Amino acid sequence: MKISFAETESAQAEFFGRELSGHDIEVCEDAGDISPDTEIVSVFIHSKIDAEFLAAHPSLRLVVTRSTTYDHVDLNACSRCGVTVCNVGSSYGDHTVPEHIFALILALCRKLRPAMEVAAGRNFSYEALRGIELNGKTLGVVGTGRIGRQVLRLAKAFGMETIGTDSRPDREAAACIGFRYVTFARMLQLADVVSINVPLTRSTYHLFNRETFAKCRRGMILINTARGPTIDSAALIEALDAGIIAGAGLDVLEDERVMRKKAAHILTDQILAHLRESFAPVEPIGNKSMRISELGRIVHNSTLLNHPNVIVTPHIAFNSYEAVERINRTTVDNINSFIRGDPRNLIGPAPRVTLDKRSAGAKKTGGKS
């Protein structure tokens, strides 16, 4: 079968080529370079698999995302086209992500960012670098799945009080680990530190917003290693400047392009793209509003990168040698299981079109939509 991989490192590409040597393997920089006749696609979170992509790849039968989250994949469109979708579950990051969460918490509590600046030659002051202890503080976890529960376990080692909130409480886990469930509103009132560990859905989009921050315990530390859009960036900046949020540790942002390119360069690219489209039909008002909103997110996220009370890491909470190896092996297992007719780690609704019909359609159209 033709199997295409996007967003891979050289070592990953070698691993996939070796483990799937009996197939036609294609390695691409991003999803836009994937051949139209590919049958299986493996992507990471920056590759958008939507109706347009599916129309351009009529032979596609399986999408394997090398992540737990899948908001970059249009599950309904895949179902309509008879395309199966699977992910790598969450067990690969059971220890890696929680450990990174505490790296962010400790960096904020012990003021490592300003301390490193002092070590580089800035004026020294014990008072300016005075941190806080975790012992006796209250940690709140939003989302008590596998990763959230491990965060709660680690918090116990620091002597912290622990609370959790979840739409589906696991009472047995709470009793075993020793934390208690509270409402989201109550957590905002009680927690000194909050860790976000939920997928991005309609209900979690901008879960932390102006209204939410207004209800937070003053001086809270907020950690996000889940998905950037769970936080309204503009509202977070306001909460930081007002002292409601004492510090934020962010491994994800609403617009992560600012982690790799300066905001000014991104804005320039946007302007050039708009100029190239100047002779195209006028956009509907809704699209213009969307573009303005996007530019606002770029500016706000760039502001967060440089805020003195924020520590940003470039979406690397998952990125340990052990976790990446687990991701790679699960990806290969997902592909081989699908080929054997026993697909695993399925997500989304079942395909409404049989694979045979989709394949026949691809042959009939000559591989074109």
Protein backbone atom coordinates (compact mmCIF):
# COMPACT_ATOMS: atom_id res chain seq x y z
CA MET A 1 0.00 0.00 0.00
CA LYS A 2 1.07 3.61 -0.46
CA ILE A 3 1.67 5.16 2.96
CA SER A 4 2.53 8.84 3.38
CA PHE A 5 4.12 10.44 6.44
CA ALA A 6 4.10 14.19 7.09
CA GLU A 7 5.91 16.21 9.78
CA THR A 8 8.48 13.52 10.52
CA GLU A 9 12.05 13.77 11.74
CA SER A 10 14.81 11.91 9.91
CA ALA A 11 15.05 9.22 12.62
CA GLN A 12 11.27 8.72 12.50
CA ALA A 13 11.33 8.43 8.72
CA GLU A 14 14.03 5.76 8.95
CA PHE A 15 12.04 3.88 11.60
CA PHE A 16 8.81 3.91 9.58
CA GLY A 17 10.65 2.92 6.40
CA ARG A 18 12.27 -0.02 8.18
CA GLU A 19 9.15 -1.22 10.01
CA LEU A 20 6.89 -0.88 6.95
CA SER A 21 9.42 -1.92 4.33
CA GLY A 22 6.90 -4.01 2.39
CA HIS A 23 4.97 -0.90 1.40
CA ASP A 24 5.46 2.16 -0.79
CA ILE A 25 6.57 4.76 1.77
CA GLU A 26 6.43 8.50 1.07
CA VAL A 27 7.89 11.09 3.48
CA CYS A 28 6.69 14.69 3.10
CA GLU A 29 7.46 17.91 4.89
CA ASP A 30 3.78 18.69 5.37
CA ALA A 31 0.35 17.45 4.33
CA GLY A 32 0.27 19.73 1.30
CA ASP A 33 3.01 17.64 -0.35
CA ILE A 34 1.26 14.27 0.02
CA SER A 35 0.63 12.47 -3.27
CA PRO A 36 -3.02 12.31 -4.40
CA ASP A 37 -2.94 8.52 -4.78
CA THR A 38 -1.87 7.73 -1.21
CA GLU A 39 -3.96 5.20 0.71
CA ILE A 40 -2.75 5.75 4.28
CA VAL A 41 -1.66 9.06 5.80
CA SER A 42 0.18 9.61 9.08
CA VAL A 43 0.34 13.20 10.34
CA PHE A 44 1.04 15.27 13.43
CA ILE A 45 -1.03 18.13 14.87
CA HIS A 46 -0.02 20.82 12.37
CA SER A 47 -1.45 18.96 9.36
CA LYS A 48 -5.11 19.74 8.66
CA ILE A 49 -7.12 16.83 7.28
CA ASP A 50 -10.39 18.33 6.08
CA ALA A 51 -12.92 17.94 3.28
CA GLU A 52 -10.62 19.71 0.83
CA PHE A 53 -7.74 17.36 1.62
CA LEU A 54 -10.00 14.31 1.30
CA ALA A 55 -11.33 15.47 -2.06
CA ALA A 56 -7.76 15.79 -3.32
CA HIS A 57 -6.87 12.27 -2.09
CA PRO A 58 -9.69 9.98 -3.29
CA SER A 59 -7.75 6.76 -2.60
CA LEU A 60 -7.25 7.57 1.06
CA ARG A 61 -8.46 4.85 3.43
CA LEU A 62 -6.82 5.59 6.77
CA VAL A 63 -5.62 8.67 8.69
CA VAL A 64 -3.26 7.98 11.59
CA THR A 65 -2.51 11.01 13.74
CA ARG A 66 0.60 10.69 15.88
CA SER A 67 -1.09 12.49 18.76
CA THR A 68 -3.81 12.02 21.33
CA THR A 69 -5.75 15.09 20.21
CA TYR A 70 -7.44 15.11 16.82
CA ASP A 71 -9.07 18.51 16.37
CA HIS A 72 -6.92 18.93 13.23
CA VAL A 73 -8.89 16.07 11.61
CA ASP A 74 -12.46 16.59 10.37
CA LEU A 75 -13.96 13.37 11.66
CA ASN A 76 -17.36 13.89 10.03
CA ALA A 77 -15.81 14.52 6.61
CA CYS A 78 -13.68 11.40 7.01
CA SER A 79 -16.76 9.37 7.94
CA ARG A 80 -18.65 10.59 4.88
CA CYS A 81 -15.73 9.63 2.65
CA GLY A 82 -15.27 6.20 4.20
CA VAL A 83 -11.92 7.08 5.76
CA THR A 84 -10.98 5.48 9.08
CA VAL A 85 -9.22 7.65 11.67
CA CYS A 86 -7.11 6.54 14.63
CA ASN A 87 -4.75 8.16 17.12
CA VAL A 88 -2.02 6.98 19.48
CA GLY A 89 -4.13 7.15 22.65
CA SER A 90 -2.81 8.96 25.71
CA SER A 91 -0.74 6.32 27.47
CA TYR A 92 2.47 7.34 25.65
CA GLY A 93 2.55 10.56 27.70
CA ASP A 94 1.45 9.22 31.09
CA HIS A 95 4.73 10.27 32.69
CA THR A 96 6.35 12.57 30.15
CA VAL A 97 3.60 15.23 30.09
CA PRO A 98 3.01 15.36 33.88
CA GLU A 99 6.75 15.73 34.46
CA HIS A 100 6.82 18.66 32.04
CA ILE A 101 3.83 20.20 33.83
CA PHE A 102 5.79 20.21 37.07
CA ALA A 103 8.82 21.61 35.28
CA LEU A 104 6.64 24.59 34.33
CA ILE A 105 5.12 24.87 37.82
CA LEU A 106 8.54 24.83 39.51
CA ALA A 107 10.01 27.28 36.98
CA LEU A 108 7.26 29.77 37.80
CA CYS A 109 7.25 29.22 41.56
CA ARG A 110 11.04 29.60 41.81
CA LYS A 111 11.23 32.41 39.22
CA LEU A 112 13.71 30.64 36.97
CA ARG A 113 13.20 33.01 34.05
CA PRO A 114 14.28 36.19 35.91
CA ALA A 115 16.90 34.17 37.83
CA MET A 116 18.54 33.14 34.56
CA GLU A 117 18.59 36.77 33.45
CA VAL A 118 20.33 37.74 36.71
CA ALA A 119 22.85 34.93 36.21
CA ALA A 120 23.55 36.40 32.77
CA GLY A 121 24.66 39.70 34.33
CA ARG A 122 21.52 41.57 35.45
CA ASN A 123 21.21 43.22 38.88
CA PHE A 124 20.89 40.69 41.70
CA SER A 125 18.18 40.89 44.36
CA TYR A 126 17.06 38.21 46.80
CA GLU A 127 13.70 39.94 47.14
CA ALA A 128 13.08 40.03 43.38
CA LEU A 129 13.89 36.33 43.06
CA ARG A 130 11.99 35.11 46.12
CA GLY A 131 9.84 32.08 45.24
CA ILE A 132 7.03 30.14 46.86
CA GLU A 133 6.80 26.58 48.20
CA LEU A 134 4.40 24.03 46.77
CA ASN A 135 3.97 22.29 50.12
CA GLY A 136 0.52 23.08 51.51
CA LYS A 137 -0.70 24.75 48.31
CA THR A 138 -3.76 23.48 46.43
CA LEU A 139 -3.40 22.01 42.94
CA GLY A 140 -6.47 21.80 40.73
CA VAL A 141 -6.58 19.60 37.64
CA VAL A 142 -9.11 20.24 34.90
CA GLY A 143 -9.55 16.85 33.25
CA THR A 144 -8.73 13.77 35.32
CA GLY A 145 -7.81 11.34 32.57
CA ARG A 146 -4.57 9.35 32.58
CA ILE A 147 -2.33 12.42 32.42
CA GLY A 148 -4.42 14.46 34.85
CA ARG A 149 -4.39 11.65 37.41
CA GLN A 150 -0.60 11.35 37.20
CA VAL A 151 -0.30 15.11 37.79
CA LEU A 152 -2.36 14.64 40.94
CA ARG A 153 -0.11 11.78 42.08
CA LEU A 154 3.02 13.88 41.61
CA ALA A 155 1.42 16.76 43.53
CA LYS A 156 1.11 14.48 46.56
CA ALA A 157 4.90 14.08 46.61
CA PHE A 158 5.20 17.86 47.01
CA GLY A 159 2.76 17.88 49.92
CA MET A 160 0.03 19.66 47.97
CA GLU A 161 -3.71 19.52 48.54
CA THR A 162 -5.33 18.10 45.41
CA ILE A 163 -8.69 18.68 43.72
CA GLY A 164 -10.02 17.74 40.30
CA THR A 165 -12.92 18.56 38.03
CA ASP A 166 -14.22 16.44 35.17
CA SER A 167 -17.45 15.92 33.24
CA ARG A 168 -17.06 12.21 34.04
CA PRO A 169 -15.65 11.90 37.56
CA ASP A 170 -13.67 8.76 38.38
CA ARG A 171 -14.55 8.26 42.04
CA GLU A 172 -12.44 5.11 42.34
CA ALA A 173 -9.34 6.97 41.11
CA ALA A 174 -10.07 9.85 43.47
CA ALA A 175 -10.21 7.50 46.44
CA CYS A 176 -7.06 5.64 45.36
CA ILE A 177 -4.95 8.75 44.69
CA GLY A 178 -6.45 10.83 47.47
CA PHE A 179 -7.95 13.84 45.70
CA ARG A 180 -11.50 15.16 45.75
CA TYR A 181 -13.79 16.31 42.98
CA VAL A 182 -15.21 19.82 42.98
CA THR A 183 -17.10 21.89 40.44
CA PHE A 184 -15.10 23.94 37.97
CA ALA A 185 -16.34 27.15 39.61
CA ARG A 186 -15.28 25.92 43.04
CA MET A 187 -11.84 24.95 41.74
CA LEU A 188 -11.29 28.50 40.52
CA GLN A 189 -11.91 29.72 44.07
CA LEU A 190 -9.70 27.16 45.82
CA ALA A 191 -6.71 26.37 43.63
CA ASP A 192 -3.30 28.03 43.89
CA VAL A 193 -2.18 26.17 40.77
CA VAL A 194 -4.41 24.88 37.94
CA SER A 195 -3.34 22.45 35.24
CA ILE A 196 -5.44 22.12 32.08
CA ASN A 197 -5.57 18.54 30.80
CA VAL A 198 -8.61 18.34 28.55
CA PRO A 199 -9.04 17.85 24.79
CA LEU A 200 -10.20 20.75 22.63
CA THR A 201 -13.96 20.54 22.09
CA ARG A 202 -16.78 23.04 21.75
CA SER A 203 -17.24 22.98 25.52
CA THR A 204 -13.54 23.52 26.30
CA TYR A 205 -12.86 26.21 23.67
CA HIS A 206 -11.90 29.37 25.64
CA LEU A 207 -12.75 27.57 28.86
CA PHE A 208 -10.56 30.19 30.50
CA ASN A 209 -11.92 33.58 29.46
CA ARG A 210 -12.61 37.01 30.98
CA GLU A 211 -15.56 35.68 32.96
CA THR A 212 -13.57 32.68 34.19
CA PHE A 213 -10.55 34.72 35.22
CA ALA A 214 -12.77 37.12 37.16
CA LYS A 215 -13.74 34.18 39.40
CA CYS A 216 -10.20 32.90 39.99
CA ARG A 217 -8.38 33.00 43.27
CA ARG A 218 -6.04 35.98 43.06
CA GLY A 219 -2.43 34.99 42.44
CA MET A 220 -3.25 31.67 40.76
CA ILE A 221 -0.66 29.95 38.56
CA LEU A 222 -2.11 28.52 35.32
CA ILE A 223 -0.51 25.66 33.37
CA ASN A 224 -1.60 24.56 29.89
CA THR A 225 -0.05 21.57 28.12
CA ALA A 226 -3.33 20.51 26.49
CA ARG A 227 -4.52 22.71 23.61
CA GLY A 228 -3.90 26.43 23.12
CA PRO A 229 -7.50 27.49 22.36
CA THR A 230 -8.69 26.31 25.79
CA ILE A 231 -7.43 29.75 26.90
CA ASP A 232 -8.54 33.11 25.49
CA SER A 233 -5.13 34.74 24.97
CA ALA A 234 -6.38 38.32 25.23
CA ALA A 235 -8.19 37.55 28.49
CA LEU A 236 -5.09 35.84 29.90
CA ILE A 237 -2.95 38.91 29.20
CA GLU A 238 -5.48 41.08 31.01
CA ALA A 239 -5.56 38.67 33.98
CA LEU A 240 -1.75 38.63 34.15
CA ASP A 241 -1.49 42.42 34.02
CA ALA A 242 -4.17 42.73 36.73
CA GLY A 243 -2.36 40.26 39.01
CA ILE A 244 -5.28 37.80 39.00
CA ILE A 245 -2.98 35.24 37.40
CA ALA A 246 0.47 35.40 38.99
CA GLY A 247 2.11 33.33 36.27
CA ALA A 248 1.34 31.07 33.34
CA GLY A 249 3.26 28.07 32.05
CA LEU A 250 2.23 27.41 28.46
CA ASP A 251 3.37 24.56 26.27
CA VAL A 252 0.62 25.40 23.77
CA LEU A 253 -0.78 28.63 22.34
CA GLU A 254 -3.81 29.62 20.30
CA ASP A 255 -1.52 30.38 17.37
CA GLU A 256 1.70 28.42 17.69
CA ARG A 257 3.26 29.97 14.61
CA VAL A 258 4.68 32.67 16.91
CA MET A 259 6.82 29.97 18.53
CA ARG A 260 8.66 29.48 15.24
CA LYS A 261 8.42 32.85 13.50
CA LYS A 262 8.27 36.45 14.72
CA ALA A 263 4.79 37.98 14.77
CA ALA A 264 5.92 40.78 12.43
CA HIS A 265 6.97 38.20 9.83
CA ILE A 266 3.67 36.33 10.16
CA LEU A 267 1.74 39.58 9.74
CA THR A 268 3.83 40.44 6.69
CA ASP A 269 3.01 37.06 5.18
CA GLN A 270 -0.68 37.71 5.85
CA ILE A 271 -0.52 41.12 4.15
CA LEU A 272 1.26 39.69 1.11
CA ALA A 273 -1.30 36.91 0.85
CA HIS A 274 -4.08 39.51 0.98
CA LEU A 275 -2.40 41.55 -1.77
CA ARG A 276 -2.11 38.45 -3.96
CA GLU A 277 -5.83 37.92 -3.52
CA SER A 278 -6.67 41.56 -4.32
CA PHE A 279 -8.07 40.68 -7.73
CA ALA A 280 -10.20 37.84 -6.36
CA PRO A 281 -13.90 38.33 -5.54
CA VAL A 282 -14.52 40.37 -2.41
CA GLU A 283 -14.63 38.25 0.74
CA PRO A 284 -17.85 37.95 2.74
CA ILE A 285 -17.91 39.99 5.95
CA GLY A 286 -17.63 36.81 8.00
CA ASN A 287 -14.28 35.93 6.43
CA LYS A 288 -12.96 39.45 7.04
CA SER A 289 -13.94 39.19 10.68
CA MET A 290 -12.19 35.84 10.85
CA ARG A 291 -9.02 37.35 9.40
CA ILE A 292 -9.07 40.23 11.89
CA SER A 293 -9.56 37.74 14.71
CA GLU A 294 -6.61 35.69 13.45
CA LEU A 295 -4.34 38.74 13.35
CA GLY A 296 -5.41 39.58 16.88
CA ARG A 297 -4.46 36.10 18.09
CA ILE A 298 -1.03 36.44 16.50
CA VAL A 299 -0.39 39.71 18.34
CA HIS A 300 -1.71 38.41 21.66
CA ASN A 301 0.31 35.22 21.49
CA SER A 302 3.43 37.19 20.65
CA THR A 303 2.75 39.32 23.73
CA LEU A 304 2.52 36.19 25.90
CA LEU A 305 5.92 35.02 24.63
CA ASN A 306 7.51 38.16 26.04
CA HIS A 307 5.46 38.60 29.20
CA PRO A 308 7.69 38.55 32.31
CA ASN A 309 5.29 36.27 34.21
CA VAL A 310 4.91 33.70 31.45
CA ILE A 311 7.08 30.73 30.54
CA VAL A 312 6.43 29.27 27.09
CA THR A 313 7.80 26.01 25.76
CA PRO A 314 7.27 25.13 22.06
CA HIS A 315 4.75 22.27 22.38
CA ILE A 316 7.29 19.80 23.74
CA ALA A 317 5.53 18.35 26.80
CA PHE A 318 5.26 15.02 24.93
CA ASN A 319 8.82 15.16 23.66
CA SER A 320 10.92 12.63 25.56
CA TYR A 321 12.89 9.83 23.92
CA GLU A 322 10.69 7.25 25.62
CA ALA A 323 7.38 8.87 24.64
CA VAL A 324 8.37 9.43 21.00
CA GLU A 325 9.40 5.79 20.72
CA ARG A 326 5.99 4.76 22.07
CA ILE A 327 4.27 7.07 19.57
CA ASN A 328 6.24 5.63 16.65
CA ARG A 329 5.55 2.02 17.62
CA THR A 330 1.84 2.67 18.19
CA THR A 331 1.66 4.36 14.78
CA VAL A 332 3.13 1.30 13.08
CA ASP A 333 0.81 -1.00 15.05
CA ASN A 334 -2.18 1.12 14.01
CA ILE A 335 -1.23 0.86 10.35
CA ASN A 336 -0.51 -2.87 10.43
CA SER A 337 -3.71 -3.59 12.38
CA PHE A 338 -5.78 -1.67 9.84
CA ILE A 339 -4.19 -3.53 6.94
CA ARG A 340 -4.98 -6.83 8.67
CA GLY A 341 -8.61 -5.75 8.97
CA ASP A 342 -8.48 -5.23 12.74
CA PRO A 343 -8.20 -1.42 13.21
CA ARG A 344 -7.26 -0.11 16.66
CA ASN A 345 -7.37 3.19 18.54
CA LEU A 346 -10.30 4.34 16.42
CA ILE A 347 -11.75 7.81 16.90
CA GLY A 348 -14.81 9.50 15.47
CA PRO A 349 -17.92 8.04 13.84
CA ALA A 350 -17.64 4.88 11.77
CA PRO A 351 -17.16 5.51 8.02
CA ARG A 352 -20.44 5.69 6.13
CA VAL A 353 -18.88 4.57 2.87
CA THR A 354 -17.26 1.16 2.49
CA LEU A 355 -13.59 1.05 1.62
CA ASP A 356 -14.32 -0.89 -1.54
CA LYS A 357 -16.72 1.81 -2.76
CA ARG A 358 -14.21 4.56 -2.05
CA SER A 359 -11.45 2.69 -3.84
CA ALA A 360 -13.73 2.05 -6.79
CA GLY A 361 -14.62 5.74 -6.90
CA ALA A 362 -10.96 6.67 -6.95
CA LYS A 363 -10.29 4.36 -9.89
CA LYS A 364 -13.32 5.65 -11.76
CA THR A 365 -12.21 9.28 -11.41
CA GLY A 366 -8.61 8.43 -12.21
CA GLY A 367 -7.49 9.58 -8.77
CA LYS A 368 -9.01 13.05 -9.17
CA SER A 369 -11.84 14.66 -7.28
